[in-house]
Amino acid sequence: MPTFNRILAMLCVGFLFGLATSFAAPSYRVVLPSPVTADGMMLKAGVYSLSLDGKDAVFRRGNEVIRIPTDIEKSSSKFSDTILEMNGSVLTAIDVGGTDTIFTFRKTN
């Protein structure tokens, strides 16, 4: 039979795990209909999970993880849909649907 201290320890671990995951950065679903580059990095067409880690946009697709430096801007209102801002095949920004968040990427030559 578990002791009171053991039960208390298990409850504390569960609480701390729940607290840690509640502060995890949100992730967003982004669909790239064709290959693009952002800050000189190539992203293949496909569905990605996009999140922010420090000053990097993190694109995940399966086991593939691509980190691209980004700046975060806020819009005056929420976007109804996710919008890819492009200059040719260069991704310059992502307006995240359902939020007021804009991921902006450096323009490279």
C-alpha atoms as a PDB file:
ATOM      1  CA  MET A   1       0.000   0.000   0.000  1.00  0.00           C
ATOM      2  CA  PRO A   2       1.458   3.404  -0.986  1.00  0.00           C
ATOM      3  CA  THR A   3       2.443   5.698   1.814  1.00  0.00           C
ATOM      4  CA  PHE A   4       1.125   9.226   2.170  1.00  0.00           C
ATOM      5  CA  ASN A   5       4.523  10.710   1.220  1.00  0.00           C
ATOM      6  CA  ARG A   6       4.680   8.615  -1.937  1.00  0.00           C
ATOM      7  CA  ILE A   7       1.174   9.660  -2.980  1.00  0.00           C
ATOM      8  CA  LEU A   8       2.015  13.295  -2.256  1.00  0.00           C
ATOM      9  CA  ALA A   9       5.199  13.029  -4.331  1.00  0.00           C
ATOM     10  CA  MET A  10       3.281  11.539  -7.277  1.00  0.00           C
ATOM     11  CA  LEU A  11       0.684  14.319  -7.088  1.00  0.00           C
ATOM     12  CA  CYS A  12       3.444  16.969  -7.033  1.00  0.00           C
ATOM     13  CA  VAL A  13       5.145  15.444 -10.081  1.00  0.00           C
ATOM     14  CA  GLY A  14       1.825  15.367 -11.948  1.00  0.00           C
ATOM     15  CA  PHE A  15       1.115  18.977 -11.005  1.00  0.00           C
ATOM     16  CA  LEU A  16       4.565  20.142 -12.118  1.00  0.00           C
ATOM     17  CA  PHE A  17       4.261  18.265 -15.421  1.00  0.00           C
ATOM     18  CA  GLY A  18       0.863  19.861 -16.057  1.00  0.00           C
ATOM     19  CA  LEU A  19       2.229  23.282 -15.170  1.00  0.00           C
ATOM     20  CA  ALA A  20       5.230  22.874 -17.487  1.00  0.00           C
ATOM     21  CA  THR A  21       3.110  21.780 -20.443  1.00  0.00           C
ATOM     22  CA  SER A  22       0.642  24.621 -19.922  1.00  0.00           C
ATOM     23  CA  PHE A  23       3.458  27.119 -20.599  1.00  0.00           C
ATOM     24  CA  ALA A  24       4.591  25.385 -23.791  1.00  0.00           C
ATOM     25  CA  ALA A  25       4.598  27.629 -26.839  1.00  0.00           C
ATOM     26  CA  PRO A  26       1.478  27.234 -28.958  1.00  0.00           C
ATOM     27  CA  SER A  27       1.868  25.588 -32.333  1.00  0.00           C
ATOM     28  CA  TYR A  28       0.007  26.399 -35.512  1.00  0.00           C
ATOM     29  CA  ARG A  29      -0.806  24.359 -38.620  1.00  0.00           C
ATOM     30  CA  VAL A  30       0.708  25.864 -41.767  1.00  0.00           C
ATOM     31  CA  VAL A  31       0.268  24.486 -45.285  1.00  0.00           C
ATOM     32  CA  LEU A  32       2.914  25.356 -47.863  1.00  0.00           C
ATOM     33  CA  PRO A  33       1.403  24.599 -51.298  1.00  0.00           C
ATOM     34  CA  SER A  34       4.795  24.791 -53.031  1.00  0.00           C
ATOM     35  CA  PRO A  35       8.478  24.903 -52.022  1.00  0.00           C
ATOM     36  CA  VAL A  36       9.546  28.244 -50.516  1.00  0.00           C
ATOM     37  CA  THR A  37      12.634  29.808 -48.996  1.00  0.00           C
ATOM     38  CA  ALA A  38      12.714  31.889 -45.832  1.00  0.00           C
ATOM     39  CA  ASP A  39      15.934  33.569 -44.677  1.00  0.00           C
ATOM     40  CA  GLY A  40      17.805  31.389 -47.183  1.00  0.00           C
ATOM     41  CA  MET A  41      16.353  28.116 -45.823  1.00  0.00           C
ATOM     42  CA  MET A  42      14.369  25.848 -48.161  1.00  0.00           C
ATOM     43  CA  LEU A  43      11.010  24.512 -47.020  1.00  0.00           C
ATOM     44  CA  LYS A  44       9.371  21.790 -49.103  1.00  0.00           C
ATOM     45  CA  ALA A  45       5.678  21.862 -49.904  1.00  0.00           C
ATOM     46  CA  GLY A  46       3.555  20.214 -47.230  1.00  0.00           C
ATOM     47  CA  VAL A  47       1.834  20.584 -43.874  1.00  0.00           C
ATOM     48  CA  TYR A  48       3.961  21.911 -41.017  1.00  0.00           C
ATOM     49  CA  SER A  49       3.528  22.594 -37.337  1.00  0.00           C
ATOM     50  CA  LEU A  50       4.855  26.105 -36.647  1.00  0.00           C
ATOM     51  CA  SER A  51       5.913  27.290 -33.200  1.00  0.00           C
ATOM     52  CA  LEU A  52       8.145  29.925 -31.673  1.00  0.00           C
ATOM     53  CA  ASP A  53      11.272  29.019 -29.711  1.00  0.00           C
ATOM     54  CA  GLY A  54      13.100  32.112 -28.531  1.00  0.00           C
ATOM     55  CA  LYS A  55      13.742  34.131 -31.686  1.00  0.00           C
ATOM     56  CA  ASP A  56      13.285  31.178 -34.057  1.00  0.00           C
ATOM     57  CA  ALA A  57      10.258  29.989 -35.966  1.00  0.00           C
ATOM     58  CA  VAL A  58      10.322  26.197 -35.731  1.00  0.00           C
ATOM     59  CA  PHE A  59       8.773  24.295 -38.641  1.00  0.00           C
ATOM     60  CA  ARG A  60       8.107  20.597 -37.922  1.00  0.00           C
ATOM     61  CA  ARG A  61       6.996  17.965 -40.403  1.00  0.00           C
ATOM     62  CA  GLY A  62       7.422  14.360 -39.325  1.00  0.00           C
ATOM     63  CA  ASN A  63      11.019  14.021 -38.109  1.00  0.00           C
ATOM     64  CA  GLU A  64      12.095  17.134 -40.025  1.00  0.00           C
ATOM     65  CA  VAL A  65      12.739  20.259 -37.910  1.00  0.00           C
ATOM     66  CA  ILE A  66      13.751  23.551 -39.520  1.00  0.00           C
ATOM     67  CA  ARG A  67      14.603  26.613 -37.406  1.00  0.00           C
ATOM     68  CA  ILE A  68      14.466  30.036 -39.051  1.00  0.00           C
ATOM     69  CA  PRO A  69      15.135  33.360 -37.309  1.00  0.00           C
ATOM     70  CA  THR A  70      11.947  35.400 -37.078  1.00  0.00           C
ATOM     71  CA  ASP A  71      10.469  38.537 -35.644  1.00  0.00           C
ATOM     72  CA  ILE A  72       7.013  38.478 -34.117  1.00  0.00           C
ATOM     73  CA  GLU A  73       4.612  41.307 -34.814  1.00  0.00           C
ATOM     74  CA  LYS A  74       1.072  41.852 -33.598  1.00  0.00           C
ATOM     75  CA  SER A  75      -1.808  42.963 -35.793  1.00  0.00           C
ATOM     76  CA  SER A  76      -4.528  45.312 -34.570  1.00  0.00           C
ATOM     77  CA  SER A  77      -7.052  42.495 -35.106  1.00  0.00           C
ATOM     78  CA  LYS A  78      -7.138  38.727 -35.446  1.00  0.00           C
ATOM     79  CA  PHE A  79      -6.693  37.040 -38.818  1.00  0.00           C
ATOM     80  CA  SER A  80      -9.585  34.841 -39.900  1.00  0.00           C
ATOM     81  CA  ASP A  81      -7.283  32.589 -41.968  1.00  0.00           C
ATOM     82  CA  THR A  82      -3.568  31.839 -42.126  1.00  0.00           C
ATOM     83  CA  ILE A  83      -1.995  33.922 -44.882  1.00  0.00           C
ATOM     84  CA  LEU A  84       1.426  33.348 -46.445  1.00  0.00           C
ATOM     85  CA  GLU A  85       3.039  36.608 -47.522  1.00  0.00           C
ATOM     86  CA  MET A  86       5.353  35.911 -50.447  1.00  0.00           C
ATOM     87  CA  ASN A  87       7.756  37.690 -52.769  1.00  0.00           C
ATOM     88  CA  GLY A  88       8.014  35.207 -55.634  1.00  0.00           C
ATOM     89  CA  SER A  89       9.001  31.939 -53.923  1.00  0.00           C
ATOM     90  CA  VAL A  90      10.408  33.748 -50.862  1.00  0.00           C
ATOM     91  CA  LEU A  91       8.290  33.560 -47.723  1.00  0.00           C
ATOM     92  CA  THR A  92       8.375  36.989 -46.061  1.00  0.00           C
ATOM     93  CA  ALA A  93       5.691  36.541 -43.375  1.00  0.00           C
ATOM     94  CA  ILE A  94       2.977  34.275 -42.017  1.00  0.00           C
ATOM     95  CA  ASP A  95      -0.200  35.840 -40.624  1.00  0.00           C
ATOM     96  CA  VAL A  96      -1.505  33.145 -38.257  1.00  0.00           C
ATOM     97  CA  GLY A  97      -5.252  32.503 -38.563  1.00  0.00           C
ATOM     98  CA  GLY A  98      -7.263  32.838 -35.351  1.00  0.00           C
ATOM     99  CA  THR A  99      -4.574  35.065 -33.789  1.00  0.00           C
ATOM    100  CA  ASP A 100      -3.117  38.531 -34.161  1.00  0.00           C
ATOM    101  CA  THR A 101       0.381  37.057 -34.612  1.00  0.00           C
ATOM    102  CA  ILE A 102       2.640  37.666 -37.601  1.00  0.00           C
ATOM    103  CA  PHE A 103       5.881  35.721 -38.083  1.00  0.00           C
ATOM    104  CA  THR A 104       8.171  37.882 -40.249  1.00  0.00           C
ATOM    105  CA  PHE A 105      11.314  36.631 -41.952  1.00  0.00           C
ATOM    106  CA  ARG A 106      14.379  38.487 -43.171  1.00  0.00           C
ATOM    107  CA  LYS A 107      14.608  39.118 -46.858  1.00  0.00           C
ATOM    108  CA  THR A 108      17.804  37.593 -48.290  1.00  0.00           C
ATOM    109  CA  ASN A 109      19.202  38.094 -51.753  1.00  0.00           C
END
